[in-house]
Every structure is written in C-alpha cells, then in structure tokens.
Amino acid sequence: MKPNPILEEVWRVKDELAREAGHDIHRLCENTRQWAAEHPHPGPVVRNAEELRQLVAAKERQRAATSAMALNDKPPRQP
C-alpha cells in the first residue's frame, strides 16, 4: 500500500491529542470544546454539500460581478 502523508499526519495528531487526554474520551471531548471556544471560526460554517455549493456559487457570482465592473470601466479622459 502506498503511504499517504496526510493520513499519517492526521493519525499522529489524533494519537497526540489522545495521549494529552490520558486516552479518556470525555477529557478529549472537553479539551476539544475548550480549544474551540478559545479559537472561534472566523468564516461561515458549512453543514452539508448543498450549503457548500451555494456558498461557492455566491462567491463565483460576486467574483464575476467584480470582473465585469472592471471590464466596463472607461479609461480616464485626457485633457
């Protein structure tokens, strides 16, 4: 099987967090909740694939509108 460095890193972090919590799932969850409270997420929370599609579509519409405005600008008039 080919090594997957991303999965290996996830497993390493999981093992480290479990060790810090003394391999107690309740303490691990409490540590995770505490960390989340101290580090609030700055962006939107996406709960499912449909919300992600809507968010991406809205960003694409915004980007297209911004590009269209740049293309519609007239050059400055020369005196």
Protein backbone atom coordinates (compact mmCIF):
# COMPACT_ATOMS: atom_id res chain seq x y z
CA MET A 1 0.00 0.00 0.00
CA LYS A 2 1.27 3.44 -0.94
CA PRO A 3 1.98 5.73 2.07
CA ASN A 4 -0.38 8.67 2.49
CA PRO A 5 1.37 11.55 4.33
CA ILE A 6 -1.89 13.40 5.00
CA LEU A 7 -3.49 10.41 6.73
CA GLU A 8 -0.30 9.71 8.64
CA GLU A 9 -0.27 13.31 9.95
CA VAL A 10 -3.95 13.08 10.96
CA TRP A 11 -3.27 9.82 12.84
CA ARG A 12 -0.21 11.34 14.52
CA VAL A 13 -2.22 14.35 15.73
CA LYS A 14 -5.06 12.08 16.89
CA ASP A 15 -2.63 9.96 18.90
CA GLU A 16 -1.03 13.06 20.42
CA LEU A 17 -4.40 14.51 21.46
CA ALA A 18 -5.47 11.17 22.95
CA ARG A 19 -2.21 10.97 24.90
CA GLU A 20 -2.73 14.52 26.25
CA ALA A 21 -6.20 13.48 27.44
CA GLY A 22 -4.91 10.31 29.07
CA HIS A 23 -6.83 8.27 26.47
CA ASP A 24 -10.08 9.37 28.16
CA ILE A 25 -12.71 10.16 25.52
CA HIS A 26 -14.62 12.50 27.86
CA ARG A 27 -11.50 14.52 28.60
CA LEU A 28 -10.58 14.54 24.90
CA CYS A 29 -14.03 15.97 24.03
CA GLU A 30 -13.79 18.55 26.82
CA ASN A 31 -10.32 19.61 25.61
CA THR A 32 -11.69 19.93 22.08
CA ARG A 33 -14.66 22.05 23.24
CA GLN A 34 -12.34 24.28 25.26
CA TRP A 35 -9.99 24.74 22.29
CA ALA A 36 -12.95 25.57 20.01
CA ALA A 37 -14.21 28.19 22.49
CA GLU A 38 -10.76 29.80 22.62
CA HIS A 39 -10.35 29.74 18.81
CA PRO A 40 -13.66 30.73 17.19
CA HIS A 41 -14.03 30.02 13.49
CA PRO A 42 -13.94 33.32 11.54
CA GLY A 43 -15.82 32.16 8.45
CA PRO A 44 -19.11 30.55 7.55
CA VAL A 45 -19.89 27.07 8.84
CA VAL A 46 -20.92 24.66 6.08
CA ARG A 47 -23.10 21.80 7.31
CA ASN A 48 -23.63 19.85 4.08
CA ALA A 49 -22.71 19.64 0.41
CA GLU A 50 -25.66 21.78 -0.71
CA GLU A 51 -24.61 24.66 1.57
CA LEU A 52 -21.08 24.37 0.19
CA ARG A 53 -22.39 24.52 -3.41
CA GLN A 54 -24.47 27.60 -2.58
CA LEU A 55 -21.51 29.31 -0.89
CA VAL A 56 -19.21 28.58 -3.84
CA ALA A 57 -21.84 29.76 -6.35
CA ALA A 58 -22.36 33.02 -4.43
CA LYS A 59 -18.60 33.66 -4.35
CA GLU A 60 -18.35 32.94 -8.09
CA ARG A 61 -21.22 35.37 -8.82
CA GLN A 62 -19.50 38.03 -6.71
CA ARG A 63 -16.17 37.44 -8.47
CA ALA A 64 -17.85 37.60 -11.90
CA ALA A 65 -19.65 40.85 -10.99
CA THR A 66 -16.37 42.39 -9.83
CA SER A 67 -14.61 41.34 -13.04
CA ALA A 68 -17.46 42.68 -15.17
CA MET A 69 -17.27 46.06 -13.43
CA ALA A 70 -13.54 46.23 -14.14
CA LEU A 71 -14.16 45.46 -17.82
CA ASN A 72 -16.91 48.09 -18.10
CA ASP A 73 -14.81 50.93 -16.71
CA LYS A 74 -13.98 53.55 -19.28
CA PRO A 75 -10.44 54.86 -19.49
CA PRO A 76 -9.87 58.29 -17.97
CA ARG A 77 -10.39 61.17 -20.38
CA GLN A 78 -7.30 63.01 -21.48
CA PRO A 79 -7.44 66.81 -21.22
